Amino acid sequence: MDKISITFIPNGNKTVSVDPGSNLLRASLREKGGIPFRCGGGFCGTCRCRIVEGREHADDVKAKERRHLSEEDVANGFRMACQTFVNGDVKISWG
């Protein structure tokens, strides 16, 4: 299975290779990507990030995310890293 890449822009454009279907927050924790987090379960909103490139490779926005993100946020690429799974290359930012 081919790997995909996640680039953590605020962390010096650190790019890591992961399996398709990977969760953004779990990949960040495993690879020291630097996404801020607190609960890891979609409750606190701390892991809010923006998919700058590759939004089409993310899964659908979940109900837990909608508690923290407006329609405008979602339209602008914002997601909760703990709830987002990707199947292709993405570049993300936060802060």
C-alpha atoms as a PDB file:
ATOM      1  CA  MET A   1       0.000   0.000   0.000  1.00  0.00           C
ATOM      2  CA  ASP A   2       1.399   3.386  -0.970  1.00  0.00           C
ATOM      3  CA  LYS A   3       2.053   5.901   1.775  1.00  0.00           C
ATOM      4  CA  ILE A   4       0.622   9.426   1.816  1.00  0.00           C
ATOM      5  CA  SER A   5       2.189  12.552   3.267  1.00  0.00           C
ATOM      6  CA  ILE A   6       1.049  14.970   5.951  1.00  0.00           C
ATOM      7  CA  THR A   7       2.906  18.285   6.137  1.00  0.00           C
ATOM      8  CA  PHE A   8       2.758  20.205   9.426  1.00  0.00           C
ATOM      9  CA  ILE A   9       3.329  23.774   8.176  1.00  0.00           C
ATOM     10  CA  PRO A  10       3.832  25.539  11.570  1.00  0.00           C
ATOM     11  CA  ASN A  11       6.379  22.866  12.533  1.00  0.00           C
ATOM     12  CA  GLY A  12       8.959  23.899   9.916  1.00  0.00           C
ATOM     13  CA  ASN A  13       6.966  22.206   7.125  1.00  0.00           C
ATOM     14  CA  LYS A  14       7.734  18.835   8.713  1.00  0.00           C
ATOM     15  CA  THR A  15       6.453  16.155   6.344  1.00  0.00           C
ATOM     16  CA  VAL A  16       5.742  12.593   7.422  1.00  0.00           C
ATOM     17  CA  SER A  17       4.646   9.476   5.547  1.00  0.00           C
ATOM     18  CA  VAL A  18       1.605   7.639   6.852  1.00  0.00           C
ATOM     19  CA  ASP A  19      -0.825   4.980   5.687  1.00  0.00           C
ATOM     20  CA  PRO A  20      -3.979   6.076   3.849  1.00  0.00           C
ATOM     21  CA  GLY A  21      -6.871   6.371   6.305  1.00  0.00           C
ATOM     22  CA  SER A  22      -4.664   7.887   9.004  1.00  0.00           C
ATOM     23  CA  ASN A  23      -6.071  10.202  11.653  1.00  0.00           C
ATOM     24  CA  LEU A  24      -4.442  13.660  11.688  1.00  0.00           C
ATOM     25  CA  LEU A  25      -4.046  13.923  15.455  1.00  0.00           C
ATOM     26  CA  ARG A  26      -2.738  10.373  15.911  1.00  0.00           C
ATOM     27  CA  ALA A  27      -0.222  10.933  13.096  1.00  0.00           C
ATOM     28  CA  SER A  28       0.852  14.200  14.735  1.00  0.00           C
ATOM     29  CA  LEU A  29       1.347  12.507  18.108  1.00  0.00           C
ATOM     30  CA  ARG A  30       3.248   9.562  16.638  1.00  0.00           C
ATOM     31  CA  GLU A  31       5.479  11.696  14.391  1.00  0.00           C
ATOM     32  CA  LYS A  32       5.830  14.783  16.654  1.00  0.00           C
ATOM     33  CA  GLY A  33       3.923  16.978  14.203  1.00  0.00           C
ATOM     34  CA  GLY A  34       2.951  19.470  16.877  1.00  0.00           C
ATOM     35  CA  ILE A  35      -0.833  19.824  16.549  1.00  0.00           C
ATOM     36  CA  PRO A  36      -2.090  21.213  19.888  1.00  0.00           C
ATOM     37  CA  PHE A  37      -4.524  18.904  21.690  1.00  0.00           C
ATOM     38  CA  ARG A  38      -6.091  18.260  25.047  1.00  0.00           C
ATOM     39  CA  CYS A  39      -8.771  15.567  25.008  1.00  0.00           C
ATOM     40  CA  GLY A  40      -8.313  13.708  21.710  1.00  0.00           C
ATOM     41  CA  GLY A  41     -12.019  12.865  21.574  1.00  0.00           C
ATOM     42  CA  GLY A  42     -13.713  15.804  19.852  1.00  0.00           C
ATOM     43  CA  PHE A  43     -14.938  17.470  23.030  1.00  0.00           C
ATOM     44  CA  CYS A  44     -12.573  20.378  23.731  1.00  0.00           C
ATOM     45  CA  GLY A  45     -11.824  21.912  20.315  1.00  0.00           C
ATOM     46  CA  THR A  46      -8.106  22.332  21.053  1.00  0.00           C
ATOM     47  CA  CYS A  47      -6.933  20.406  17.958  1.00  0.00           C
ATOM     48  CA  ARG A  48      -8.679  22.741  15.504  1.00  0.00           C
ATOM     49  CA  CYS A  49      -6.527  22.938  12.393  1.00  0.00           C
ATOM     50  CA  ARG A  50      -6.847  24.040   8.778  1.00  0.00           C
ATOM     51  CA  ILE A  51      -6.236  21.822   5.785  1.00  0.00           C
ATOM     52  CA  VAL A  52      -4.359  24.256   3.554  1.00  0.00           C
ATOM     53  CA  GLU A  53      -3.870  21.790   0.688  1.00  0.00           C
ATOM     54  CA  GLY A  54      -5.526  18.457  -0.016  1.00  0.00           C
ATOM     55  CA  ARG A  55      -8.944  19.102   1.527  1.00  0.00           C
ATOM     56  CA  GLU A  56     -10.414  16.660  -0.991  1.00  0.00           C
ATOM     57  CA  HIS A  57      -8.443  13.870   0.700  1.00  0.00           C
ATOM     58  CA  ALA A  58     -10.183  14.286   4.074  1.00  0.00           C
ATOM     59  CA  ASP A  59     -13.250  12.370   5.188  1.00  0.00           C
ATOM     60  CA  ASP A  60     -16.628  14.004   5.869  1.00  0.00           C
ATOM     61  CA  VAL A  61     -17.051  16.480   8.721  1.00  0.00           C
ATOM     62  CA  LYS A  62     -18.506  14.763  11.777  1.00  0.00           C
ATOM     63  CA  ALA A  63     -21.190  15.938  14.210  1.00  0.00           C
ATOM     64  CA  LYS A  64     -18.630  16.402  17.013  1.00  0.00           C
ATOM     65  CA  GLU A  65     -16.715  18.838  14.793  1.00  0.00           C
ATOM     66  CA  ARG A  66     -19.803  20.940  14.124  1.00  0.00           C
ATOM     67  CA  ARG A  67     -19.919  21.867  17.825  1.00  0.00           C
ATOM     68  CA  HIS A  68     -16.616  23.725  17.347  1.00  0.00           C
ATOM     69  CA  LEU A  69     -16.702  24.741  13.680  1.00  0.00           C
ATOM     70  CA  SER A  70     -19.115  27.010  11.823  1.00  0.00           C
ATOM     71  CA  GLU A  71     -20.164  26.353   8.218  1.00  0.00           C
ATOM     72  CA  GLU A  72     -17.763  29.135   7.230  1.00  0.00           C
ATOM     73  CA  ASP A  73     -14.937  27.420   9.142  1.00  0.00           C
ATOM     74  CA  VAL A  74     -15.612  24.152   7.323  1.00  0.00           C
ATOM     75  CA  ALA A  75     -15.806  25.948   3.961  1.00  0.00           C
ATOM     76  CA  ASN A  76     -12.389  27.458   4.705  1.00  0.00           C
ATOM     77  CA  GLY A  77     -10.817  24.062   5.423  1.00  0.00           C
ATOM     78  CA  PHE A  78     -10.955  23.983   9.224  1.00  0.00           C
ATOM     79  CA  ARG A  79     -11.296  20.596  10.898  1.00  0.00           C
ATOM     80  CA  MET A  80     -10.754  18.961  14.270  1.00  0.00           C
ATOM     81  CA  ALA A  81      -7.591  16.874  13.895  1.00  0.00           C
ATOM     82  CA  CYS A  82      -8.832  14.189  16.293  1.00  0.00           C
ATOM     83  CA  GLN A  83     -11.876  13.562  14.096  1.00  0.00           C
ATOM     84  CA  THR A  84     -10.254  13.819  10.651  1.00  0.00           C
ATOM     85  CA  PHE A  85      -8.951  10.913   8.579  1.00  0.00           C
ATOM     86  CA  VAL A  86      -7.082  11.434   5.306  1.00  0.00           C
ATOM     87  CA  ASN A  87      -6.602   9.270   2.221  1.00  0.00           C
ATOM     88  CA  GLY A  88      -4.167  11.462   0.287  1.00  0.00           C
ATOM     89  CA  ASP A  89      -1.484  14.101   0.733  1.00  0.00           C
ATOM     90  CA  VAL A  90      -2.429  17.079   2.914  1.00  0.00           C
ATOM     91  CA  LYS A  91      -0.763  20.182   4.294  1.00  0.00           C
ATOM     92  CA  ILE A  92      -2.144  21.496   7.562  1.00  0.00           C
ATOM     93  CA  SER A  93      -1.750  24.562   9.726  1.00  0.00           C
ATOM     94  CA  TRP A  94      -3.051  25.754  13.123  1.00  0.00           C
ATOM     95  CA  GLY A  95      -2.641  28.548  15.599  1.00  0.00           C
END
